[in-house]
């Protein structure tokens, strides 16, 4: 599938973004996968509910906390892309 991720809000300090995937209308949070040399290799996209999406729009701290859980593998069941 050709995903069309449309960021609706970007948190520059954490490089986390939230938005909607246009083909499926799935809400998502994207988090940067950072290598040991502090370079961003790629983003991982995780599905979120519409309620989570609305909440994260107004609460950057909550979005960062959720993003941290995503990057430590706690939310792998919600992984959209890339599939490992």
PDB file of N, CA and C in Angstrom:
ATOM      1  N   UNK A   1       0.840  -1.181   0.000  1.00  0.00           N
ATOM      2  CA  UNK A   1       0.000   0.000   0.000  1.00  0.00           C
ATOM      3  C   UNK A   1       0.882   1.242   0.000  1.00  0.00           C
ATOM      4  N   UNK A   2       0.441   2.225  -0.720  1.00  0.00           N
ATOM      5  CA  UNK A   2       1.131   3.503  -0.769  1.00  0.00           C
ATOM      6  C   UNK A   2       0.490   4.428   0.266  1.00  0.00           C
ATOM      7  N   UNK A   3       1.174   4.648   1.371  1.00  0.00           N
ATOM      8  CA  UNK A   3       0.638   5.475   2.441  1.00  0.00           C
ATOM      9  C   UNK A   3       0.795   6.947   2.111  1.00  0.00           C
ATOM     10  N   UNK A   4      -0.181   7.738   2.529  1.00  0.00           N
ATOM     11  CA  UNK A   4      -0.134   9.187   2.368  1.00  0.00           C
ATOM     12  C   UNK A   4      -0.348   9.821   3.745  1.00  0.00           C
ATOM     13  N   UNK A   5       0.730   9.950   4.489  1.00  0.00           N
ATOM     14  CA  UNK A   5       0.663  10.513   5.825  1.00  0.00           C
ATOM     15  C   UNK A   5       0.614  12.028   5.738  1.00  0.00           C
ATOM     16  N   UNK A   6      -0.383  12.613   6.375  1.00  0.00           N
ATOM     17  CA  UNK A   6      -0.563  14.061   6.372  1.00  0.00           C
ATOM     18  C   UNK A   6      -0.430  14.570   7.806  1.00  0.00           C
ATOM     19  N   UNK A   7       0.716  15.156   8.100  1.00  0.00           N
ATOM     20  CA  UNK A   7       0.945  15.704   9.438  1.00  0.00           C
ATOM     21  C   UNK A   7       0.001  16.873   9.680  1.00  0.00           C
ATOM     22  N   UNK A   8      -0.659  16.856  10.822  1.00  0.00           N
ATOM     23  CA  UNK A   8      -1.541  17.957  11.200  1.00  0.00           C
ATOM     24  C   UNK A   8      -0.897  18.831  12.266  1.00  0.00           C
ATOM     25  N   UNK A   9      -0.021  18.224  13.075  1.00  0.00           N
ATOM     26  CA  UNK A   9       0.708  18.995  14.091  1.00  0.00           C
ATOM     27  C   UNK A   9       2.073  18.354  14.277  1.00  0.00           C
ATOM     28  N   UNK A  10       3.079  19.202  14.323  1.00  0.00           N
ATOM     29  CA  UNK A  10       4.457  18.749  14.524  1.00  0.00           C
ATOM     30  C   UNK A  10       4.988  19.404  15.787  1.00  0.00           C
ATOM     31  N   UNK A  11       5.630  18.578  16.616  1.00  0.00           N
ATOM     32  CA  UNK A  11       6.283  19.078  17.819  1.00  0.00           C
ATOM     33  C   UNK A  11       7.781  19.111  17.525  1.00  0.00           C
ATOM     34  N   UNK A  12       8.319  20.272  17.144  1.00  0.00           N
ATOM     35  CA  UNK A  12       9.708  20.365  16.684  1.00  0.00           C
ATOM     36  C   UNK A  12      10.752  19.865  17.678  1.00  0.00           C
ATOM     37  N   UNK A  13      10.558  20.110  18.964  1.00  0.00           N
ATOM     38  CA  UNK A  13      11.574  19.709  19.946  1.00  0.00           C
ATOM     39  C   UNK A  13      11.748  18.204  20.022  1.00  0.00           C
ATOM     40  N   UNK A  14      10.666  17.474  19.881  1.00  0.00           N
ATOM     41  CA  UNK A  14      10.745  16.016  19.982  1.00  0.00           C
ATOM     42  C   UNK A  14      10.705  15.328  18.628  1.00  0.00           C
ATOM     43  N   UNK A  15      10.403  16.085  17.574  1.00  0.00           N
ATOM     44  CA  UNK A  15      10.269  15.561  16.205  1.00  0.00           C
ATOM     45  C   UNK A  15       9.124  14.565  16.075  1.00  0.00           C
ATOM     46  N   UNK A  16       8.177  14.653  16.981  1.00  0.00           N
ATOM     47  CA  UNK A  16       6.973  13.832  16.913  1.00  0.00           C
ATOM     48  C   UNK A  16       5.923  14.605  16.131  1.00  0.00           C
ATOM     49  N   UNK A  17       5.137  13.881  15.342  1.00  0.00           N
ATOM     50  CA  UNK A  17       4.030  14.524  14.644  1.00  0.00           C
ATOM     51  C   UNK A  17       2.788  13.653  14.761  1.00  0.00           C
ATOM     52  N   UNK A  18       1.648  14.299  14.631  1.00  0.00           N
ATOM     53  CA  UNK A  18       0.383  13.579  14.614  1.00  0.00           C
ATOM     54  C   UNK A  18      -0.389  14.012  13.384  1.00  0.00           C
ATOM     55  N   UNK A  19      -1.204  13.112  12.877  1.00  0.00           N
ATOM     56  CA  UNK A  19      -1.951  13.432  11.677  1.00  0.00           C
ATOM     57  C   UNK A  19      -2.883  12.310  11.280  1.00  0.00           C
ATOM     58  N   UNK A  20      -3.178  12.269   9.982  1.00  0.00           N
ATOM     59  CA  UNK A  20      -4.102  11.272   9.454  1.00  0.00           C
ATOM     60  C   UNK A  20      -3.526  10.689   8.166  1.00  0.00           C
ATOM     61  N   UNK A  21      -3.700   9.384   8.016  1.00  0.00           N
ATOM     62  CA  UNK A  21      -3.279   8.710   6.784  1.00  0.00           C
ATOM     63  C   UNK A  21      -4.456   8.807   5.821  1.00  0.00           C
ATOM     64  N   UNK A  22      -4.253   9.425   4.679  1.00  0.00           N
ATOM     65  CA  UNK A  22      -5.321   9.786   3.752  1.00  0.00           C
ATOM     66  C   UNK A  22      -6.025   8.586   3.117  1.00  0.00           C
ATOM     67  N   UNK A  23      -5.353   7.500   2.840  1.00  0.00           N
ATOM     68  CA  UNK A  23      -5.987   6.356   2.173  1.00  0.00           C
ATOM     69  C   UNK A  23      -6.911   5.573   3.096  1.00  0.00           C
ATOM     70  N   UNK A  24      -6.576   5.509   4.374  1.00  0.00           N
ATOM     71  CA  UNK A  24      -7.329   4.698   5.318  1.00  0.00           C
ATOM     72  C   UNK A  24      -8.084   5.522   6.365  1.00  0.00           C
ATOM     73  N   UNK A  25      -7.810   6.822   6.410  1.00  0.00           N
ATOM     74  CA  UNK A  25      -8.379   7.719   7.425  1.00  0.00           C
ATOM     75  C   UNK A  25      -8.035   7.290   8.846  1.00  0.00           C
ATOM     76  N   UNK A  26      -6.876   6.678   9.004  1.00  0.00           N
ATOM     77  CA  UNK A  26      -6.390   6.273  10.321  1.00  0.00           C
ATOM     78  C   UNK A  26      -5.584   7.421  10.917  1.00  0.00           C
ATOM     79  N   UNK A  27      -5.885   7.766  12.160  1.00  0.00           N
ATOM     80  CA  UNK A  27      -5.097   8.764  12.872  1.00  0.00           C
ATOM     81  C   UNK A  27      -3.785   8.118  13.302  1.00  0.00           C
ATOM     82  N   UNK A  28      -2.714   8.915  13.336  1.00  0.00           N
ATOM     83  CA  UNK A  28      -1.409   8.355  13.686  1.00  0.00           C
ATOM     84  C   UNK A  28      -0.580   9.331  14.491  1.00  0.00           C
ATOM     85  N   UNK A  29       0.432   8.765  15.130  1.00  0.00           N
ATOM     86  CA  UNK A  29       1.524   9.532  15.709  1.00  0.00           C
ATOM     87  C   UNK A  29       2.786   8.970  15.078  1.00  0.00           C
ATOM     88  N   UNK A  30       3.681   9.835  14.665  1.00  0.00           N
ATOM     89  CA  UNK A  30       4.943   9.361  14.090  1.00  0.00           C
ATOM     90  C   UNK A  30       6.090   9.786  14.990  1.00  0.00           C
ATOM     91  N   UNK A  31       7.055   8.887  15.095  1.00  0.00           N
ATOM     92  CA  UNK A  31       8.201   9.095  15.976  1.00  0.00           C
ATOM     93  C   UNK A  31       9.475   8.804  15.190  1.00  0.00           C
ATOM     94  N   UNK A  32      10.503   9.604  15.401  1.00  0.00           N
ATOM     95  CA  UNK A  32      11.754   9.352  14.680  1.00  0.00           C
ATOM     96  C   UNK A  32      12.524   8.188  15.282  1.00  0.00           C
ATOM     97  N   UNK A  33      13.032   7.332  14.429  1.00  0.00           N
ATOM     98  CA  UNK A  33      13.933   6.273  14.869  1.00  0.00           C
ATOM     99  C   UNK A  33      15.335   6.837  14.731  1.00  0.00           C
ATOM    100  N   UNK A  34      16.027   6.974  15.841  1.00  0.00           N
ATOM    101  CA  UNK A  34      17.331   7.641  15.855  1.00  0.00           C
ATOM    102  C   UNK A  34      18.422   6.616  16.131  1.00  0.00           C
ATOM    103  N   UNK A  35      19.445   6.636  15.297  1.00  0.00           N
ATOM    104  CA  UNK A  35      20.564   5.708  15.448  1.00  0.00           C
ATOM    105  C   UNK A  35      21.527   6.189  16.524  1.00  0.00           C
ATOM    106  N   UNK A  36      22.503   5.381  16.820  1.00  0.00           N
ATOM    107  CA  UNK A  36      23.467   5.706  17.872  1.00  0.00           C
ATOM    108  C   UNK A  36      24.274   6.970  17.576  1.00  0.00           C
ATOM    109  N   UNK A  37      24.402   7.356  16.309  1.00  0.00           N
ATOM    110  CA  UNK A  37      25.142   8.573  15.992  1.00  0.00           C
ATOM    111  C   UNK A  37      24.231   9.806  15.951  1.00  0.00           C
ATOM    112  N   UNK A  38      23.012   9.648  16.527  1.00  0.00           N
ATOM    113  CA  UNK A  38      22.045  10.733  16.691  1.00  0.00           C
ATOM    114  C   UNK A  38      21.443  11.226  15.385  1.00  0.00           C
ATOM    115  N   UNK A  39      21.502  10.395  14.348  1.00  0.00           N
ATOM    116  CA  UNK A  39      20.888  10.732  13.067  1.00  0.00           C
ATOM    117  C   UNK A  39      19.528  10.042  12.990  1.00  0.00           C
ATOM    118  N   UNK A  40      18.567  10.678  12.352  1.00  0.00           N
ATOM    119  CA  UNK A  40      17.260  10.067  12.157  1.00  0.00           C
ATOM    120  C   UNK A  40      17.333   9.170  10.931  1.00  0.00           C
ATOM    121  N   UNK A  41      17.079   7.877  11.126  1.00  0.00           N
ATOM    122  CA  UNK A  41      17.073   6.941  10.015  1.00  0.00           C
ATOM    123  C   UNK A  41      15.739   6.965   9.284  1.00  0.00           C
ATOM    124  N   UNK A  42      14.656   6.872  10.030  1.00  0.00           N
ATOM    125  CA  UNK A  42      13.324   6.891   9.443  1.00  0.00           C
ATOM    126  C   UNK A  42      12.313   7.139  10.549  1.00  0.00           C
ATOM    127  N   UNK A  43      11.070   7.352  10.148  1.00  0.00           N
ATOM    128  CA  UNK A  43       9.998   7.531  11.113  1.00  0.00           C
ATOM    129  C   UNK A  43       9.200   6.243  11.213  1.00  0.00           C
ATOM    130  N   UNK A  44       8.682   5.994  12.405  1.00  0.00           N
ATOM    131  CA  UNK A  44       7.740   4.907  12.608  1.00  0.00           C
ATOM    132  C   UNK A  44       6.379   5.546  12.851  1.00  0.00           C
ATOM    133  N   UNK A  45       5.362   4.935  12.276  1.00  0.00           N
ATOM    134  CA  UNK A  45       4.001   5.445  12.382  1.00  0.00           C
ATOM    135  C   UNK A  45       3.153   4.463  13.181  1.00  0.00           C
ATOM    136  N   UNK A  46       2.407   4.996  14.147  1.00  0.00           N
ATOM    137  CA  UNK A  46       1.569   4.185  15.028  1.00  0.00           C
ATOM    138  C   UNK A  46       0.146   4.721  15.000  1.00  0.00           C
ATOM    139  N   UNK A  47      -0.821   3.829  14.900  1.00  0.00           N
ATOM    140  CA  UNK A  47      -2.215   4.262  14.890  1.00  0.00           C
ATOM    141  C   UNK A  47      -2.628   4.734  16.285  1.00  0.00           C
ATOM    142  N   UNK A  48      -3.465   5.751  16.289  1.00  0.00           N
ATOM    143  CA  UNK A  48      -4.055   6.253  17.528  1.00  0.00           C
ATOM    144  C   UNK A  48      -5.548   6.438  17.280  1.00  0.00           C
ATOM    145  N   UNK A  49      -6.308   6.474  18.357  1.00  0.00           N
ATOM    146  CA  UNK A  49      -7.742   6.692  18.224  1.00  0.00           C
ATOM    147  C   UNK A  49      -8.019   8.171  17.967  1.00  0.00           C
ATOM    148  N   UNK A  50      -9.227   8.455  17.552  1.00  0.00           N
ATOM    149  CA  UNK A  50      -9.609   9.850  17.335  1.00  0.00           C
ATOM    150  C   UNK A  50      -9.546  10.641  18.646  1.00  0.00           C
ATOM    151  N   UNK A  51      -9.928   9.997  19.750  1.00  0.00           N
ATOM    152  CA  UNK A  51      -9.848  10.662  21.059  1.00  0.00           C
ATOM    153  C   UNK A  51      -8.399  10.971  21.439  1.00  0.00           C
ATOM    154  N   UNK A  52      -7.503  10.014  21.200  1.00  0.00           N
ATOM    155  CA  UNK A  52      -6.083  10.250  21.482  1.00  0.00           C
ATOM    156  C   UNK A  52      -5.551  11.379  20.600  1.00  0.00           C
ATOM    157  N   UNK A  53      -5.942  11.368  19.338  1.00  0.00           N
ATOM    158  CA  UNK A  53      -5.531  12.410  18.406  1.00  0.00           C
ATOM    159  C   UNK A  53      -5.932  13.796  18.942  1.00  0.00           C
ATOM    160  N   UNK A  54      -7.204  13.938  19.332  1.00  0.00           N
ATOM    161  CA  UNK A  54      -7.693  15.223  19.855  1.00  0.00           C
ATOM    162  C   UNK A  54      -6.945  15.628  21.119  1.00  0.00           C
ATOM    163  N   UNK A  55      -6.691  14.664  21.985  1.00  0.00           N
ATOM    164  CA  UNK A  55      -5.975  14.928  23.235  1.00  0.00           C
ATOM    165  C   UNK A  55      -4.539  15.373  22.954  1.00  0.00           C
ATOM    166  N   UNK A  56      -3.848  14.667  22.073  1.00  0.00           N
ATOM    167  CA  UNK A  56      -2.453  14.997  21.772  1.00  0.00           C
ATOM    168  C   UNK A  56      -2.316  16.349  21.081  1.00  0.00           C
ATOM    169  N   UNK A  57      -3.338  16.781  20.338  1.00  0.00           N
ATOM    170  CA  UNK A  57      -3.284  18.097  19.705  1.00  0.00           C
ATOM    171  C   UNK A  57      -3.077  19.199  20.730  1.00  0.00           C
ATOM    172  N   UNK A  58      -3.654  19.001  21.916  1.00  0.00           N
ATOM    173  CA  UNK A  58      -3.588  20.050  22.934  1.00  0.00           C
ATOM    174  C   UNK A  58      -2.623  19.742  24.078  1.00  0.00           C
ATOM    175  N   UNK A  59      -2.003  18.567  24.055  1.00  0.00           N
ATOM    176  CA  UNK A  59      -1.127  18.190  25.171  1.00  0.00           C
ATOM    177  C   UNK A  59       0.169  17.564  24.642  1.00  0.00           C
ATOM    178  N   UNK A  60       1.157  18.415  24.433  1.00  0.00           N
ATOM    179  CA  UNK A  60       2.435  17.954  23.882  1.00  0.00           C
ATOM    180  C   UNK A  60       3.135  16.973  24.817  1.00  0.00           C
ATOM    181  N   UNK A  61       3.035  17.180  26.107  1.00  0.00           N
ATOM    182  CA  UNK A  61       3.676  16.279  27.071  1.00  0.00           C
ATOM    183  C   UNK A  61       3.112  14.866  26.917  1.00  0.00           C
ATOM    184  N   UNK A  62       1.799  14.756  26.811  1.00  0.00           N
ATOM    185  CA  UNK A  62       1.170  13.442  26.636  1.00  0.00           C
ATOM    186  C   UNK A  62       1.592  12.814  25.313  1.00  0.00           C
ATOM    187  N   UNK A  63       1.696  13.613  24.260  1.00  0.00           N
ATOM    188  CA  UNK A  63       2.141  13.091  22.966  1.00  0.00           C
ATOM    189  C   UNK A  63       3.567  12.555  23.060  1.00  0.00           C
ATOM    190  N   UNK A  64       4.442  13.276  23.760  1.00  0.00           N
ATOM    191  CA  UNK A  64       5.827  12.827  23.932  1.00  0.00           C
ATOM    192  C   UNK A  64       5.896  11.536  24.744  1.00  0.00           C
ATOM    193  N   UNK A  65       5.085  11.456  25.793  1.00  0.00           N
ATOM    194  CA  UNK A  65       5.073  10.241  26.612  1.00  0.00           C
ATOM    195  C   UNK A  65       4.603   9.039  25.794  1.00  0.00           C
ATOM    196  N   UNK A  66       3.568   9.241  25.001  1.00  0.00           N
ATOM    197  CA  UNK A  66       3.072   8.160  24.149  1.00  0.00           C
ATOM    198  C   UNK A  66       4.136   7.790  23.112  1.00  0.00           C
ATOM    199  N   UNK A  67       4.781   8.798  22.537  1.00  0.00           N
ATOM    200  CA  UNK A  67       5.850   8.555  21.566  1.00  0.00           C
ATOM    201  C   UNK A  67       6.994   7.761  22.171  1.00  0.00           C
ATOM    202  N   UNK A  68       7.329   8.035  23.417  1.00  0.00           N
ATOM    203  CA  UNK A  68       8.381   7.276  24.100  1.00  0.00           C
ATOM    204  C   UNK A  68       7.993   5.814  24.244  1.00  0.00           C
ATOM    205  N   UNK A  69       6.730   5.559  24.565  1.00  0.00           N
ATOM    206  CA  UNK A  69       6.251   4.179  24.653  1.00  0.00           C
ATOM    207  C   UNK A  69       6.337   3.485  23.294  1.00  0.00           C
ATOM    208  N   UNK A  70       6.038   4.230  22.245  1.00  0.00           N
ATOM    209  CA  UNK A  70       6.120   3.664  20.894  1.00  0.00           C
ATOM    210  C   UNK A  70       7.550   3.244  20.564  1.00  0.00           C
ATOM    211  N   UNK A  71       8.495   4.107  20.884  1.00  0.00           N
ATOM    212  CA  UNK A  71       9.884   3.835  20.525  1.00  0.00           C
ATOM    213  C   UNK A  71      10.536   2.757  21.369  1.00  0.00           C
ATOM    214  N   UNK A  72       9.947   2.442  22.526  1.00  0.00           N
ATOM    215  CA  UNK A  72      10.502   1.371  23.350  1.00  0.00           C
ATOM    216  C   UNK A  72       9.779   0.046  23.122  1.00  0.00           C
ATOM    217  N   UNK A  73       8.935   0.000  22.095  1.00  0.00           N
ATOM    218  CA  UNK A  73       8.289  -1.253  21.725  1.00  0.00           C
ATOM    219  C   UNK A  73       6.995  -1.556  22.451  1.00  0.00           C
ATOM    220  N   UNK A  74       6.542  -0.657  23.312  1.00  0.00           N
ATOM    221  CA  UNK A  74       5.329  -0.909  24.086  1.00  0.00           C
ATOM    222  C   UNK A  74       4.051  -0.767  23.264  1.00  0.00           C
ATOM    223  N   UNK A  75       4.143  -0.170  22.096  1.00  0.00           N
ATOM    224  CA  UNK A  75       2.962   0.053  21.257  1.00  0.00           C
ATOM    225  C   UNK A  75       3.096  -0.618  19.890  1.00  0.00           C
ATOM    226  N   UNK A  76       3.922  -1.643  19.811  1.00  0.00           N
ATOM    227  CA  UNK A  76       4.163  -2.295  18.516  1.00  0.00           C
ATOM    228  C   UNK A  76       2.903  -2.857  17.869  1.00  0.00           C
ATOM    229  N   UNK A  77       1.876  -3.158  18.658  1.00  0.00           N
ATOM    230  CA  UNK A  77       0.632  -3.661  18.084  1.00  0.00           C
ATOM    231  C   UNK A  77      -0.082  -2.592  17.258  1.00  0.00           C
ATOM    232  N   UNK A  78       0.315  -1.335  17.429  1.00  0.00           N
ATOM    233  CA  UNK A  78      -0.280  -0.224  16.681  1.00  0.00           C
ATOM    234  C   UNK A  78       0.599   0.238  15.512  1.00  0.00           C
ATOM    235  N   UNK A  79       1.686  -0.437  15.286  1.00  0.00           N
ATOM    236  CA  UNK A  79       2.617  -0.014  14.240  1.00  0.00           C
ATOM    237  C   UNK A  79       1.952  -0.050  12.864  1.00  0.00           C
ATOM    238  N   UNK A  80       2.053   1.047  12.135  1.00  0.00           N
ATOM    239  CA  UNK A  80       1.527   1.122  10.784  1.00  0.00           C
ATOM    240  C   UNK A  80       2.668   0.918   9.791  1.00  0.00           C
ATOM    241  N   UNK A  81       3.736   1.705   9.947  1.00  0.00           N
ATOM    242  CA  UNK A  81       4.836   1.665   8.993  1.00  0.00           C
ATOM    243  C   UNK A  81       6.093   2.167   9.667  1.00  0.00           C
ATOM    244  N   UNK A  82       7.233   1.609   9.420  1.00  0.00           N
ATOM    245  CA  UNK A  82       7.431   0.407   8.616  1.00  0.00           C
ATOM    246  C   UNK A  82       7.128  -0.847   9.419  1.00  0.00           C
ATOM    247  N   UNK A  83       6.634  -1.831   8.771  1.00  0.00           N
ATOM    248  CA  UNK A  83       6.408  -3.120   9.417  1.00  0.00           C
ATOM    249  C   UNK A  83       7.749  -3.839   9.503  1.00  0.00           C
ATOM    250  N   UNK A  84       8.112  -4.288  10.678  1.00  0.00           N
ATOM    251  CA  UNK A  84       9.389  -5.003  10.855  1.00  0.00           C
ATOM    252  C   UNK A  84       9.194  -6.482  10.727  1.00  0.00           C
TER     253      UNK A  84
END
